[in-house]
Amino acid sequence: MRERARTVAVALADATGARVVVIGTRSGYLLAVPAPAEPDRFAAVLPALGLADRFGHSTRYGGVLWCELITTGRPVAAEPGYAVGEVVS
């Protein structure tokens, strides 16, 4: 599953041009990236988000896109925090 998280993280980084935070959770992985301001970049990120089990966005922290890869059948909270995590750029 770690390979899948890295694949999604790289796709998000390529689509947004931003660093992606990957956080291991009890249920799998949570990935967060700043939401792109440019409309064409925002459209480009949708296929990358589609690789995840769940995804969404938040207006907190200046705009964040998040997605979740579930390995245990129990999803985590939808709002990602900026705690420890592996940064993929």
Protein backbone atom coordinates (compact mmCIF):
# COMPACT_ATOMS: atom_id res chain seq x y z
CA MET A 1 0.00 0.00 0.00
CA ARG A 2 2.91 2.36 0.60
CA GLU A 3 3.61 2.16 -3.15
CA ARG A 4 0.06 3.30 -3.90
CA ALA A 5 0.39 6.24 -1.50
CA ARG A 6 3.61 7.29 -3.20
CA THR A 7 2.03 6.93 -6.67
CA VAL A 8 -0.89 9.19 -5.68
CA ALA A 9 1.46 11.67 -3.97
CA VAL A 10 3.65 11.97 -7.05
CA ALA A 11 0.57 12.43 -9.26
CA LEU A 12 -0.71 15.19 -6.94
CA ALA A 13 2.69 16.89 -6.85
CA ASP A 14 2.95 16.79 -10.64
CA ALA A 15 -0.59 18.14 -11.08
CA THR A 16 -0.32 20.95 -8.53
CA GLY A 17 3.35 21.83 -8.63
CA ALA A 18 3.28 21.80 -4.82
CA ARG A 19 4.63 19.60 -2.05
CA VAL A 20 2.36 16.81 -0.82
CA VAL A 21 2.24 15.74 2.83
CA VAL A 22 1.70 11.99 3.34
CA ILE A 23 0.53 10.99 6.81
CA GLY A 24 0.23 7.40 7.95
CA THR A 25 -3.03 6.86 9.85
CA ARG A 26 -4.68 3.94 11.62
CA SER A 27 -6.77 3.29 8.53
CA GLY A 28 -4.16 3.87 5.80
CA TYR A 29 -2.75 7.11 4.44
CA LEU A 30 -3.94 10.71 4.31
CA LEU A 31 -2.42 13.00 1.68
CA ALA A 32 -2.75 16.78 1.69
CA VAL A 33 -1.61 19.44 -0.76
CA PRO A 34 -2.31 23.17 -1.06
CA ALA A 35 -5.17 23.80 -3.47
CA PRO A 36 -3.91 25.34 -6.72
CA ALA A 37 -5.13 28.85 -7.48
CA GLU A 38 -5.05 28.46 -11.26
CA PRO A 39 -8.21 26.86 -12.76
CA ASP A 40 -6.23 24.77 -15.27
CA ARG A 41 -4.11 23.28 -12.48
CA PHE A 42 -7.23 22.57 -10.43
CA ALA A 43 -8.73 20.61 -13.34
CA ALA A 44 -5.45 18.70 -13.78
CA VAL A 45 -5.51 17.47 -10.19
CA LEU A 46 -8.86 15.65 -10.50
CA PRO A 47 -7.42 12.49 -12.13
CA ALA A 48 -4.83 12.25 -9.34
CA LEU A 49 -7.53 12.57 -6.66
CA GLY A 50 -9.51 9.89 -8.46
CA LEU A 51 -6.77 7.37 -7.63
CA ALA A 52 -7.70 7.59 -3.93
CA ASP A 53 -10.53 5.94 -2.02
CA ARG A 54 -11.94 9.26 -0.76
CA PHE A 55 -11.05 12.86 -1.50
CA GLY A 56 -12.21 16.38 -0.93
CA HIS A 57 -11.11 19.89 -0.11
CA SER A 58 -11.14 22.33 2.75
CA THR A 59 -10.97 26.10 2.84
CA ARG A 60 -9.02 25.93 6.09
CA TYR A 61 -5.31 26.74 5.98
CA GLY A 62 -5.75 28.79 2.80
CA GLY A 63 -7.24 25.92 0.79
CA VAL A 64 -6.26 22.27 1.02
CA LEU A 65 -6.99 19.29 -1.19
CA TRP A 66 -6.95 15.98 0.65
CA CYS A 67 -7.36 12.34 -0.23
CA GLU A 68 -7.35 9.12 1.69
CA LEU A 69 -6.15 5.61 0.92
CA ILE A 70 -7.98 3.14 3.16
CA THR A 71 -6.30 -0.14 4.10
CA THR A 72 -8.34 -1.20 7.16
CA GLY A 73 -11.93 -0.41 6.21
CA ARG A 74 -12.22 2.47 8.71
CA PRO A 75 -11.75 5.99 7.29
CA VAL A 76 -10.16 8.76 9.31
CA ALA A 77 -11.54 12.27 9.82
CA ALA A 78 -11.89 14.23 6.60
CA GLU A 79 -9.96 17.28 7.79
CA PRO A 80 -6.22 16.76 7.47
CA GLY A 81 -3.88 18.32 9.96
CA TYR A 82 -0.38 19.44 9.27
CA ALA A 83 1.39 17.19 11.72
CA VAL A 84 4.25 14.86 10.96
CA GLY A 85 4.34 13.38 7.51
CA GLU A 86 6.48 12.50 4.56
CA VAL A 87 6.78 15.36 2.11
CA VAL A 88 6.74 14.42 -1.55
CA SER A 89 7.69 17.04 -4.09
